[in-house]
Protein backbone atom coordinates (compact mmCIF):
# COMPACT_ATOMS: atom_id res chain seq x y z
CA MET A 1 -35.96 -66.32 -122.09
CA GLN A 2 -34.35 -63.89 -124.34
CA TYR A 3 -36.02 -59.85 -125.16
CA VAL A 4 -35.03 -57.75 -127.40
CA PRO A 5 -33.09 -54.80 -125.72
CA GLY A 6 -35.00 -51.86 -125.35
CA SER A 7 -38.29 -53.13 -126.23
CA GLY A 8 -39.25 -55.28 -123.27
CA GLU A 9 -40.40 -58.42 -126.34
CA GLU A 10 -39.70 -61.86 -126.45
CA MET A 11 -37.26 -62.95 -129.46
CA ILE A 12 -38.86 -65.44 -131.49
CA ARG A 13 -36.73 -68.58 -132.37
CA VAL A 14 -36.90 -69.41 -135.50
CA LEU A 15 -35.90 -72.21 -138.14
CA VAL A 16 -35.85 -71.81 -141.61
CA ALA A 17 -35.96 -74.75 -144.40
CA ASP A 18 -36.41 -73.82 -147.89
CA ASP A 19 -36.33 -75.63 -151.12
CA THR A 20 -32.71 -75.53 -151.44
CA ARG A 21 -30.10 -73.91 -149.67
CA ILE A 22 -29.20 -71.05 -151.12
CA HIS A 23 -32.83 -70.07 -150.71
CA THR A 24 -32.83 -71.63 -147.43
CA GLN A 25 -29.67 -68.92 -146.44
CA LEU A 26 -31.22 -66.21 -148.60
CA LEU A 27 -34.58 -66.33 -146.83
CA ALA A 28 -33.26 -66.72 -143.01
CA ASP A 29 -30.69 -63.63 -144.17
CA ALA A 30 -33.69 -61.72 -144.86
CA LEU A 31 -35.29 -62.18 -141.60
CA ARG A 32 -32.89 -61.87 -139.64
CA ARG A 33 -33.69 -57.83 -140.36
CA ASP A 34 -36.57 -58.20 -138.16
CA SER A 35 -35.38 -57.80 -133.97
CA LEU A 36 -37.79 -59.95 -132.70
CA LEU A 37 -36.66 -63.03 -134.94
CA GLU A 38 -33.76 -64.99 -133.69
CA VAL A 39 -33.48 -66.93 -136.71
CA ILE A 40 -31.26 -70.56 -136.40
CA SER A 41 -29.88 -72.58 -139.44
CA SER A 42 -31.09 -75.16 -140.18
CA PRO A 43 -29.59 -78.60 -140.89
CA SER A 44 -28.38 -79.91 -144.42
CA HIS A 45 -30.20 -82.68 -145.01
CA SER A 46 -34.28 -82.75 -143.97
CA ARG A 47 -34.01 -85.62 -141.44
CA ASP A 48 -32.02 -83.85 -139.26
CA LEU A 49 -34.99 -81.02 -139.18
CA VAL A 50 -36.50 -82.80 -136.20
CA GLU A 51 -33.92 -82.84 -133.79
CA ALA A 52 -32.38 -79.62 -134.66
CA ALA A 53 -35.85 -78.16 -133.72
CA ARG A 54 -36.04 -80.05 -130.54
CA ALA A 55 -32.38 -79.28 -129.99
CA GLN A 56 -32.28 -75.41 -130.13
CA LYS A 57 -35.69 -74.92 -129.01
CA ILE A 58 -37.46 -73.67 -131.86
CA ASP A 59 -40.52 -71.30 -131.29
CA VAL A 60 -41.70 -71.65 -134.83
CA VAL A 61 -40.82 -73.89 -138.25
CA VAL A 62 -40.65 -72.15 -141.43
CA LEU A 63 -40.93 -74.98 -143.75
CA SER A 64 -41.01 -75.45 -147.49
CA ALA A 65 -43.83 -77.68 -149.10
CA SER A 66 -40.33 -79.24 -151.40
CA LEU A 67 -37.16 -80.31 -149.47
CA ASP A 68 -34.62 -82.85 -150.57
CA GLU A 69 -35.79 -82.35 -154.39
CA ASP A 70 -39.34 -83.66 -153.33
CA PRO A 71 -42.20 -81.76 -153.64
CA GLN A 72 -44.05 -83.22 -150.38
CA ARG A 73 -40.91 -84.18 -148.31
CA GLY A 74 -41.86 -80.75 -146.49
CA PHE A 75 -45.24 -82.30 -145.00
CA GLU A 76 -43.77 -85.22 -143.89
CA VAL A 77 -40.87 -83.63 -141.78
CA LEU A 78 -43.92 -81.11 -140.34
CA ARG A 79 -45.90 -84.27 -139.27
CA GLU A 80 -42.94 -85.77 -137.80
CA LEU A 81 -42.20 -81.98 -135.53
CA ARG A 82 -45.82 -82.30 -134.41
CA VAL A 83 -45.94 -85.61 -132.80
CA SER A 84 -41.96 -84.81 -131.58
CA ASP A 85 -43.27 -81.70 -130.23
CA PRO A 86 -47.13 -80.95 -130.56
CA GLN A 87 -46.45 -77.50 -129.27
CA ILE A 88 -44.21 -75.94 -131.96
CA ARG A 89 -45.82 -73.79 -134.40
CA ALA A 90 -45.19 -74.37 -138.40
CA VAL A 91 -45.27 -71.81 -141.59
CA MET A 92 -45.83 -73.37 -144.68
CA LEU A 93 -44.33 -71.73 -147.79
CA LEU A 94 -46.20 -72.61 -150.52
CA ASP A 95 -45.54 -72.81 -154.38
CA SER A 96 -49.29 -73.33 -155.23
CA SER A 97 -52.25 -72.48 -154.48
CA LYS A 98 -53.90 -75.43 -155.07
CA ARG A 99 -56.75 -76.43 -152.34
CA GLU A 100 -55.18 -80.00 -152.17
CA SER A 101 -51.89 -78.47 -151.32
CA ILE A 102 -53.56 -75.87 -148.75
CA LEU A 103 -55.55 -78.69 -146.97
CA GLN A 104 -52.33 -80.78 -147.23
CA ALA A 105 -50.59 -78.04 -145.08
CA PHE A 106 -53.22 -77.48 -142.43
CA ARG A 107 -53.51 -81.32 -141.80
CA VAL A 108 -50.35 -81.87 -140.91
CA GLY A 109 -50.03 -79.01 -137.98
CA ALA A 110 -49.49 -75.79 -140.28
CA ARG A 111 -50.83 -72.54 -138.46
CA GLY A 112 -49.47 -70.30 -140.99
CA ILE A 113 -49.62 -70.87 -144.77
CA PHE A 114 -47.39 -68.55 -146.85
CA SER A 115 -47.44 -67.95 -150.66
CA ARG A 116 -43.75 -67.02 -152.16
CA HIS A 117 -45.15 -64.32 -153.54
CA GLU A 118 -45.72 -62.14 -150.84
CA SER A 119 -42.97 -60.25 -149.37
CA VAL A 120 -40.19 -60.99 -146.43
CA GLU A 121 -41.59 -58.08 -144.51
CA ASN A 122 -44.96 -60.15 -144.41
CA LEU A 123 -43.80 -63.47 -144.03
CA SER A 124 -42.47 -60.82 -140.63
CA LYS A 125 -45.59 -60.82 -139.61
CA CYS A 126 -46.68 -64.34 -140.53
CA ILE A 127 -44.30 -65.31 -137.90
CA ARG A 128 -45.49 -63.15 -135.46
CA SER A 129 -48.58 -64.08 -135.74
CA VAL A 130 -47.95 -67.77 -135.69
CA HIS A 131 -46.41 -67.36 -132.25
CA ASP A 132 -49.02 -65.78 -130.77
CA GLY A 133 -51.18 -68.99 -131.13
CA GLN A 134 -53.31 -67.28 -134.56
CA ILE A 135 -54.08 -68.66 -137.78
CA TRP A 136 -52.09 -66.53 -141.18
CA ALA A 137 -54.83 -67.67 -144.25
CA ASN A 138 -56.17 -65.34 -146.67
CA SER A 139 -59.52 -65.73 -147.74
CA GLN A 140 -59.60 -68.49 -150.08
CA GLN A 141 -57.27 -70.70 -147.88
CA MET A 142 -59.58 -70.29 -145.33
CA SER A 143 -62.22 -70.68 -147.00
CA PHE A 144 -61.00 -74.44 -148.11
CA ALA A 145 -60.53 -75.13 -144.70
CA VAL A 146 -64.23 -74.54 -143.97
CA GLU A 147 -64.98 -76.70 -146.72
CA ALA A 148 -63.33 -79.68 -146.21
CA LEU A 149 -64.21 -79.09 -141.87
CA ALA A 150 -68.08 -79.32 -143.13
CA SER A 151 -67.68 -82.07 -145.59
CA SER A 152 -66.04 -84.27 -142.77
CA PRO A 153 -68.09 -86.66 -141.09
CA VAL A 154 -68.80 -85.49 -137.33
CA VAL A 155 -67.17 -87.29 -134.15
CA ARG A 156 -69.18 -87.15 -130.93
CA ALA A 157 -67.69 -87.22 -127.85
CA VAL A 158 -69.89 -89.41 -125.84
CA ASP A 159 -69.97 -93.19 -124.59
CA ALA A 160 -72.69 -95.71 -124.43
CA LYS A 161 -74.53 -94.16 -122.17
CA GLY A 162 -74.39 -90.84 -124.05
CA LEU A 163 -72.33 -89.29 -121.31
CA SER A 164 -69.62 -87.25 -122.15
CA LEU A 165 -66.34 -88.83 -122.30
CA LEU A 166 -64.37 -85.64 -120.90
CA SER A 167 -63.96 -84.96 -117.92
CA LYS A 168 -64.97 -81.28 -116.43
CA ARG A 169 -61.04 -80.32 -116.44
CA GLU A 170 -60.68 -81.77 -119.94
CA LEU A 171 -63.39 -79.74 -120.71
CA GLU A 172 -61.78 -76.80 -119.29
CA VAL A 173 -58.39 -77.57 -121.37
CA VAL A 174 -59.74 -78.64 -123.96
CA ARG A 175 -60.98 -74.92 -124.71
CA ARG A 176 -58.04 -73.70 -124.09
CA LEU A 177 -56.61 -75.87 -126.85
CA ALA A 178 -58.94 -74.04 -128.87
CA GLU A 179 -57.76 -71.09 -128.33
CA GLY A 180 -54.36 -72.27 -129.88
CA LEU A 181 -52.92 -72.02 -126.09
CA SER A 182 -49.83 -73.59 -125.71
CA ASN A 183 -49.40 -76.51 -122.50
CA ARG A 184 -47.66 -73.61 -120.74
CA GLU A 185 -50.32 -70.97 -121.34
CA ILE A 186 -52.80 -73.45 -120.24
CA ALA A 187 -51.48 -74.22 -117.23
CA ASP A 188 -50.79 -70.53 -116.23
CA LYS A 189 -54.42 -69.62 -116.95
CA LEU A 190 -55.99 -73.01 -114.87
CA VAL A 191 -53.25 -72.63 -112.51
CA LEU A 192 -52.00 -76.14 -113.37
CA SER A 193 -48.43 -77.68 -113.59
CA PRO A 194 -47.53 -77.95 -117.40
CA GLU A 195 -47.32 -82.23 -117.07
CA THR A 196 -50.70 -81.95 -116.23
CA VAL A 197 -51.60 -80.21 -118.82
CA LYS A 198 -49.86 -82.93 -121.33
CA SER A 199 -51.43 -85.67 -119.77
CA HIS A 200 -55.27 -83.88 -119.90
CA VAL A 201 -54.20 -83.38 -123.75
CA ALA A 202 -53.04 -86.92 -124.32
CA ALA A 203 -56.00 -88.22 -122.72
CA ILE A 204 -58.16 -85.46 -124.87
CA LEU A 205 -56.78 -86.78 -128.14
CA GLU A 206 -56.90 -90.49 -127.10
CA LYS A 207 -60.93 -89.92 -125.71
CA LEU A 208 -61.61 -87.86 -129.18
CA ASN A 209 -59.56 -90.26 -131.61
CA VAL A 210 -57.73 -87.40 -133.15
CA SER A 211 -53.92 -87.11 -133.78
CA ASP A 212 -53.60 -83.78 -132.69
CA ARG A 213 -54.53 -80.85 -130.98
CA THR A 214 -55.93 -78.65 -134.22
CA GLN A 215 -58.01 -82.07 -134.27
CA ALA A 216 -58.87 -82.16 -130.97
CA ALA A 217 -59.89 -78.30 -131.12
CA ILE A 218 -62.58 -78.19 -134.74
CA TYR A 219 -63.64 -81.21 -133.82
CA ALA A 220 -64.51 -79.98 -130.01
CA VAL A 221 -66.10 -76.95 -131.64
CA ARG A 222 -68.15 -78.86 -134.34
CA ASN A 223 -69.77 -81.17 -131.81
CA GLY A 224 -70.64 -78.40 -129.38
CA LEU A 225 -68.22 -78.91 -126.58
CA VAL A 226 -66.63 -75.35 -127.46
CA GLU A 227 -68.75 -72.66 -128.90
CA SER A 228 -67.00 -71.26 -131.69
CA SER A 229 -66.63 -67.59 -131.92
CA THR A 230 -66.83 -64.94 -134.79
CA ALA A 231 -65.34 -62.21 -135.58
CA SER A 232 -66.95 -58.69 -134.30
């Protein structure tokens, strides 16, 4: 773990992959002006991004929706990243503000939606917020997500006898998932080992019949397993 000298703040390891090598280098150089960000050079081809993120112990990936001249490749790579490491957090760079592009980014696990029209200073703030477990999206983007969630089918975590499939401990874990905590943070909160938390998360995904942590948290809120919070 590295800290910024004199600040006591932890460095955030960031992997940047924009739509071209030139854009990637320019964006990485701009982000390096933020002393809290340790920006790691990305591989030349998208197929190597997953391994690079794992090997470099990346905290946040900043990923263009368009990679290798394929406008959808970024979504595929983020899905692969999330399968490889469910704890990794990602910011998706979008050229379009179309509803489907935004929803697709959320579906594959993006925690931040960032428009290219915004400043690099705002991107630094976005990366910090996502690293802290928050969602970064404007009001329109969030409204798209809420509307899609409202129209999606309800999943009920009950067995044939109407009893909850989740154990008491699993309910505690899923509540922390809904707060955006990592496995290590959940372990610290519940005084468990990270390996035990990982096992609980895997069981929760299976019981709720969902593919990732974000979906588990959303379904938990929708089905009353976790109380949703409202901003004050």
